[in-house]
Protein backbone atom coordinates (compact mmCIF):
# COMPACT_ATOMS: atom_id res chain seq x y z
CA MET A 1 -0.56 -17.47 8.24
CA ALA A 2 1.15 -16.86 11.55
CA GLU A 3 -0.20 -14.01 13.63
CA ARG A 4 2.20 -11.09 13.70
CA ALA A 5 2.43 -7.50 14.85
CA TRP A 6 3.63 -5.11 12.19
CA GLN A 7 5.44 -2.03 13.45
CA GLY A 8 5.06 -0.15 10.20
CA GLY A 9 8.13 2.10 10.37
CA THR A 10 10.49 2.86 7.50
CA ASP A 11 14.06 1.67 8.14
CA GLY A 12 16.74 4.25 8.83
CA THR A 13 17.15 7.37 10.94
CA SER A 14 15.71 10.81 10.26
CA TRP A 15 19.21 12.02 9.32
CA MET A 16 19.53 9.23 6.75
CA HIS A 17 16.13 10.06 5.28
CA ARG A 18 16.92 13.78 4.98
CA THR A 19 20.26 12.96 3.37
CA LEU A 20 18.61 10.66 0.85
CA VAL A 21 16.13 13.40 -0.09
CA ARG A 22 19.07 15.73 -0.83
CA ILE A 23 20.86 13.06 -2.86
CA VAL A 24 17.93 12.15 -5.11
CA ARG A 25 17.37 15.85 -5.73
CA HIS A 26 20.73 16.05 -7.54
CA VAL A 27 21.57 12.53 -8.74
CA PRO A 28 19.68 11.06 -11.75
CA LEU A 29 17.12 8.50 -10.63
CA ARG A 30 18.26 5.80 -13.07
CA LEU A 31 21.82 6.14 -11.76
CA MET A 32 20.51 5.65 -8.23
CA TYR A 33 18.62 2.55 -9.39
CA ALA A 34 21.83 1.09 -10.87
CA PHE A 35 23.91 1.88 -7.78
CA VAL A 36 21.41 0.23 -5.45
CA ALA A 37 20.93 -2.80 -7.72
CA VAL A 38 24.68 -3.48 -7.85
CA LEU A 39 25.88 -2.52 -4.37
CA VAL A 40 22.91 -2.55 -1.98
CA VAL A 41 20.41 -5.16 -3.17
CA PRO A 42 22.94 -8.07 -3.17
CA PHE A 43 23.60 -7.45 0.54
CA TYR A 44 19.90 -7.66 1.41
CA PHE A 45 19.48 -10.50 -1.06
CA VAL A 46 21.97 -12.59 0.95
CA PHE A 47 21.41 -11.45 4.52
CA SER A 48 17.81 -10.24 4.69
CA LYS A 49 15.24 -12.37 6.51
CA GLY A 50 12.79 -11.48 3.76
CA TYR A 51 14.45 -13.75 1.19
CA GLY A 52 12.70 -16.93 2.35
CA PRO A 53 9.13 -15.58 2.41
CA ILE A 54 9.50 -13.94 -1.00
CA TYR A 55 11.11 -17.05 -2.49
CA ARG A 56 8.19 -19.15 -1.21
CA TYR A 57 5.76 -16.57 -2.60
CA PHE A 58 7.18 -17.15 -6.07
CA THR A 59 7.48 -20.95 -5.82
CA GLN A 60 4.40 -21.88 -3.77
CA ARG A 61 1.93 -19.15 -4.64
CA LEU A 62 2.88 -18.34 -8.24
CA GLY A 63 4.27 -21.75 -9.19
CA TYR A 64 7.68 -20.61 -10.44
CA ASN A 65 10.51 -23.13 -10.71
CA PRO A 66 13.48 -22.65 -8.32
CA VAL A 67 15.75 -20.96 -10.87
CA ARG A 68 13.11 -18.52 -12.04
CA ALA A 69 12.08 -17.83 -8.45
CA PHE A 70 15.70 -17.06 -7.49
CA PHE A 71 16.01 -14.40 -10.17
CA MET A 72 12.54 -13.04 -9.40
CA VAL A 73 13.53 -12.56 -5.75
CA TYR A 74 16.44 -10.40 -6.92
CA ARG A 75 14.12 -8.52 -9.26
CA ASN A 76 11.65 -8.05 -6.41
CA HIS A 77 14.37 -6.57 -4.18
CA CYS A 78 15.46 -4.25 -7.00
CA ARG A 79 11.90 -3.13 -7.61
CA PHE A 80 11.33 -2.50 -3.92
CA SER A 81 14.48 -0.37 -3.73
CA GLN A 82 13.28 1.58 -6.77
CA VAL A 83 9.92 2.24 -5.14
CA ILE A 84 11.68 3.48 -1.98
CA LEU A 85 13.88 5.78 -4.07
CA ASP A 86 10.81 6.99 -5.96
CA ARG A 87 9.20 7.85 -2.66
CA PHE A 88 12.15 10.05 -1.66
CA TYR A 89 12.36 11.47 -5.18
CA MET A 90 8.76 12.53 -4.72
CA PHE A 91 9.64 14.06 -1.33
CA SER A 92 12.38 16.06 -3.07
CA GLY A 93 9.87 17.56 -5.51
CA GLY A 94 10.22 15.06 -8.35
CA LYS A 95 7.26 14.16 -10.54
CA PHE A 96 6.06 10.97 -12.18
CA GLU A 97 3.79 10.29 -15.13
CA LEU A 98 0.59 8.67 -13.87
CA ASP A 99 -2.00 6.79 -15.92
CA VAL A 100 -5.26 6.27 -14.03
CA GLU A 101 -7.65 3.47 -14.97
CA ASN A 102 -11.31 4.02 -13.99
CA TYR A 103 -10.69 7.48 -12.51
CA HIS A 104 -14.41 8.21 -12.92
CA LEU A 105 -15.18 5.70 -10.15
CA TYR A 106 -13.22 7.82 -7.70
CA GLN A 107 -14.46 11.11 -9.11
CA GLU A 108 -18.13 10.14 -8.71
CA LEU A 109 -17.65 9.44 -5.01
CA ALA A 110 -15.34 12.40 -4.43
CA GLU A 111 -17.97 14.77 -5.81
CA GLY A 112 -20.82 13.21 -3.81
CA ASN A 113 -21.93 14.04 -0.30
CA ASP A 114 -21.29 10.73 1.45
CA GLY A 115 -18.08 9.37 2.88
CA PHE A 116 -16.37 6.36 1.33
CA ILE A 117 -13.53 3.94 2.00
CA ILE A 118 -10.43 3.22 -0.08
CA LEU A 119 -8.57 -0.07 0.40
CA SER A 120 -4.89 -0.35 -0.50
CA ALA A 121 -2.16 -2.97 -0.12
CA HIS A 122 1.62 -3.17 0.14
CA VAL A 123 2.14 -3.53 -3.59
CA GLY A 124 3.58 -0.88 -5.89
CA CYS A 125 3.81 2.61 -4.37
CA TYR A 126 0.43 3.63 -2.97
CA GLU A 127 1.80 6.92 -1.61
CA LEU A 128 1.76 8.26 -5.17
CA ALA A 129 -2.04 8.07 -5.09
CA GLY A 130 -1.85 11.57 -3.61
CA TYR A 131 -0.70 12.75 -7.04
CA SER A 132 -3.60 11.28 -8.98
CA LEU A 133 -6.63 11.10 -6.69
CA VAL A 134 -7.11 14.83 -6.31
CA ALA A 135 -9.16 15.85 -3.29
CA THR A 136 -11.16 18.96 -4.14
CA LYS A 137 -14.66 18.91 -2.70
CA LYS A 138 -13.94 16.56 0.21
CA ARG A 139 -10.84 15.71 2.18
CA PHE A 140 -8.81 12.60 1.41
CA ASN A 141 -7.67 10.96 4.68
CA ALA A 142 -4.90 8.36 4.57
CA LEU A 143 -4.19 6.06 7.49
CA ALA A 144 -0.45 5.84 8.21
CA PHE A 145 1.56 3.98 10.82
CA GLY A 146 2.52 6.17 13.75
CA GLU A 147 6.10 4.83 14.16
CA GLU A 148 7.55 6.54 11.09
CA ALA A 149 10.72 8.59 11.50
CA GLU A 150 10.36 12.33 11.92
CA ALA A 151 11.79 13.06 8.47
CA ILE A 152 9.16 10.86 6.79
CA VAL A 153 6.35 12.68 8.58
CA GLU A 154 7.86 16.08 7.71
CA ASN A 155 8.20 15.18 4.04
CA ARG A 156 4.64 13.90 3.86
CA GLN A 157 3.35 17.11 5.41
CA ARG A 158 5.35 19.24 2.99
CA LEU A 159 4.28 17.14 0.01
CA PHE A 160 0.58 17.50 0.81
CA GLU A 161 0.75 21.08 2.07
CA GLY A 162 -1.86 23.17 0.30
CA THR A 163 -3.84 20.09 -0.74
CA ASN A 164 -6.97 18.61 0.77
CA ILE A 165 -5.11 15.52 1.95
CA ASN A 166 -4.83 14.60 5.62
CA ILE A 167 -2.65 11.91 7.21
CA ILE A 168 -4.15 10.02 10.18
CA PRO A 169 -1.34 8.33 12.15
CA VAL A 170 -2.13 5.00 13.82
CA LYS A 171 -1.44 5.42 17.55
CA ASP A 172 -1.40 3.14 20.56
CA ASP A 173 -4.03 5.26 22.33
CA LEU A 174 -6.49 4.46 19.49
CA SER A 175 -7.19 8.15 18.90
CA HIS A 176 -7.03 7.42 15.18
CA LEU A 177 -10.38 5.61 15.49
CA PHE A 178 -12.09 8.85 16.47
CA ALA A 179 -10.41 10.67 13.57
CA ILE A 180 -11.62 8.00 11.15
CA ASN A 181 -15.21 8.16 12.36
CA ASN A 182 -15.21 11.96 12.33
CA ALA A 183 -13.91 11.99 8.76
CA LEU A 184 -16.59 9.57 7.55
CA ASP A 185 -19.30 11.48 9.45
CA ASN A 186 -18.19 14.60 7.57
CA GLY A 187 -18.58 12.83 4.22
CA GLU A 188 -14.84 12.48 3.61
CA SER A 189 -12.85 9.54 2.24
CA VAL A 190 -10.56 7.37 4.37
CA SER A 191 -7.84 5.14 2.95
CA PHE A 192 -6.79 1.93 4.74
CA PRO A 193 -3.86 -0.43 4.07
CA SER A 194 -5.84 -3.66 4.24
CA ASP A 195 -3.41 -6.54 3.84
CA ARG A 196 -1.30 -6.45 7.02
CA LEU A 197 -2.33 -7.20 10.58
CA VAL A 198 -1.28 -4.75 13.28
CA GLY A 199 -1.34 -5.95 16.88
CA ASN A 200 -4.23 -8.15 17.97
CA GLN A 201 -6.72 -7.23 15.30
CA ARG A 202 -9.73 -9.37 14.46
CA THR A 203 -9.22 -11.16 11.18
CA VAL A 204 -11.16 -12.65 8.31
CA GLU A 205 -9.78 -15.57 6.31
CA CYS A 206 -9.96 -15.80 2.54
CA PRO A 207 -8.27 -17.90 -0.17
CA PHE A 208 -5.45 -15.84 -1.69
CA LEU A 209 -3.28 -17.14 -4.53
CA GLY A 210 -4.37 -20.69 -3.79
CA ALA A 211 -3.94 -20.77 -0.01
CA PRO A 212 -5.83 -19.40 3.01
CA ALA A 213 -4.66 -16.03 4.32
CA LYS A 214 -5.91 -13.72 7.04
CA PHE A 215 -6.75 -10.07 6.52
CA PRO A 216 -7.65 -7.35 9.04
CA MET A 217 -11.40 -7.26 9.51
CA GLY A 218 -11.57 -3.58 10.50
CA PRO A 219 -11.83 -1.76 7.14
CA PHE A 220 -14.25 -4.31 5.69
CA ALA A 221 -16.42 -4.37 8.83
CA LEU A 222 -16.52 -0.57 8.91
CA ALA A 223 -17.73 -0.44 5.32
CA ALA A 224 -20.38 -3.11 5.98
CA GLN A 225 -21.58 -1.56 9.23
CA ARG A 226 -21.87 1.98 7.88
CA ASP A 227 -23.07 0.91 4.41
CA LEU A 228 -20.31 2.91 2.72
CA PRO A 229 -19.05 2.71 -0.87
CA VAL A 230 -15.69 0.94 -1.17
CA LEU A 231 -12.89 1.38 -3.71
CA THR A 232 -9.63 -0.50 -4.14
CA VAL A 233 -6.68 1.55 -5.39
CA ASN A 234 -3.32 0.09 -6.45
CA VAL A 235 -0.46 2.22 -7.79
CA MET A 236 1.94 0.02 -9.75
CA LYS A 237 5.36 0.93 -11.16
CA ALA A 238 5.35 0.60 -14.95
CA SER A 239 8.73 2.17 -15.83
CA ALA A 240 11.35 4.51 -14.37
CA LYS A 241 9.18 7.62 -14.38
CA ARG A 242 5.73 6.13 -14.94
CA TYR A 243 3.13 4.54 -12.68
CA LYS A 244 -0.27 3.09 -13.46
CA VAL A 245 -3.15 3.59 -11.02
CA TYR A 246 -5.92 0.98 -10.91
CA VAL A 247 -9.24 2.00 -9.35
CA ASN A 248 -12.02 -0.54 -8.80
CA ARG A 249 -15.29 -0.36 -6.92
CA LEU A 250 -16.45 -3.24 -4.74
CA GLN A 251 -20.06 -4.35 -5.03
CA LYS A 252 -22.33 -4.59 -1.99
CA GLU A 253 -23.47 -8.20 -1.73
CA GLY A 254 -25.48 -9.89 1.01
CA GLU A 255 -28.03 -8.70 3.54
CA LYS A 256 -26.22 -9.62 6.74
CA ARG A 257 -23.13 -7.81 8.01
CA GLU A 258 -20.98 -10.94 7.98
CA GLU A 259 -21.99 -11.72 4.40
CA ARG A 260 -21.00 -8.22 3.29
CA ILE A 261 -17.67 -8.41 5.08
CA ASN A 262 -16.78 -11.72 3.43
CA SER A 263 -17.90 -10.42 0.05
CA TYR A 264 -15.77 -7.28 0.36
CA VAL A 265 -12.74 -9.36 1.35
CA ARG A 266 -13.20 -11.75 -1.58
CA GLN A 267 -13.48 -8.88 -4.04
CA TYR A 268 -10.51 -7.07 -2.52
CA VAL A 269 -8.41 -10.23 -2.73
CA GLY A 270 -9.54 -10.81 -6.32
CA HIS A 271 -8.29 -7.37 -7.39
CA LEU A 272 -5.05 -7.90 -5.46
CA GLU A 273 -4.47 -11.24 -7.20
CA GLU A 274 -5.01 -9.55 -10.56
CA MET A 275 -2.34 -6.97 -9.71
CA LEU A 276 0.15 -9.64 -8.67
CA HIS A 277 -0.38 -11.64 -11.84
CA ARG A 278 0.37 -8.48 -13.83
CA TYR A 279 3.18 -7.26 -11.58
CA PRO A 280 4.45 -10.34 -9.67
CA GLU A 281 7.65 -8.61 -8.54
CA GLN A 282 5.76 -5.83 -6.75
CA TRP A 283 4.62 -7.83 -3.71
CA PHE A 284 6.31 -6.13 -0.76
CA ASN A 285 5.29 -8.17 2.29
CA TYR A 286 8.55 -9.67 3.52
CA TYR A 287 7.23 -12.21 6.01
CA ASP A 288 5.28 -15.48 5.89
CA PHE A 289 1.89 -14.23 4.76
CA TRP A 290 0.36 -17.69 4.34
CA ASN A 291 0.33 -20.93 6.31
CA ASN A 292 3.16 -23.09 4.98
């Protein structure tokens, strides 16, 4: 996998984002899906740089034949557009039906005294976890990229206003590291997107869908160093108004720090592979993730 720096921002201006929030508040969601699938997705399907990496994901990593992979790339683009629309529908006050698998694993840690780590990935729509993983006794901290447009930040703040959810923006001055440590010291939970590399992070390599891939070491090393419980949470789109939330706990294996890090990465990757075999079209990393 080629090293890369991920900027993490959502495309579009703040004005465009605010306009989209107003539109999805009044236009039926299924109609928006159809409009985007017919008029918007074909443009990105033809001109987007993400076509090649996603096509290779289906052919090389999942073993699809060229024809099936071609149609799955279109389906992937449609699904991604739906997830983006769902995000703005949520910002506008819309609600989704959520089925949570293994909620007790989260609840046990949320009601305890110690901090814990949640690992996510760019599959499905993780932002909807704020609906289902209710933070009552302790605060739920979610790491978010600091380059988001103003409207995205405003909508997040409004969405989580009155809840015990806190957004920690990733910043160039590394101040987010102090916020993370303070949160864990206070016995709170911190959520990390753990599949993409940002800047010059240290990495750990692990087989993923049959080929070596690199993952950011930070979240796994933090869990190993501080001896913290670790959950993986994936929020996958099941239908127009329904998502399924999968919660799994990683087991602590090994005595040495390096052994624990590698074990956590292997388990994390195993759960991610399971999600992609169930929902192959919900892989939303549009760059060459593996060495080709």
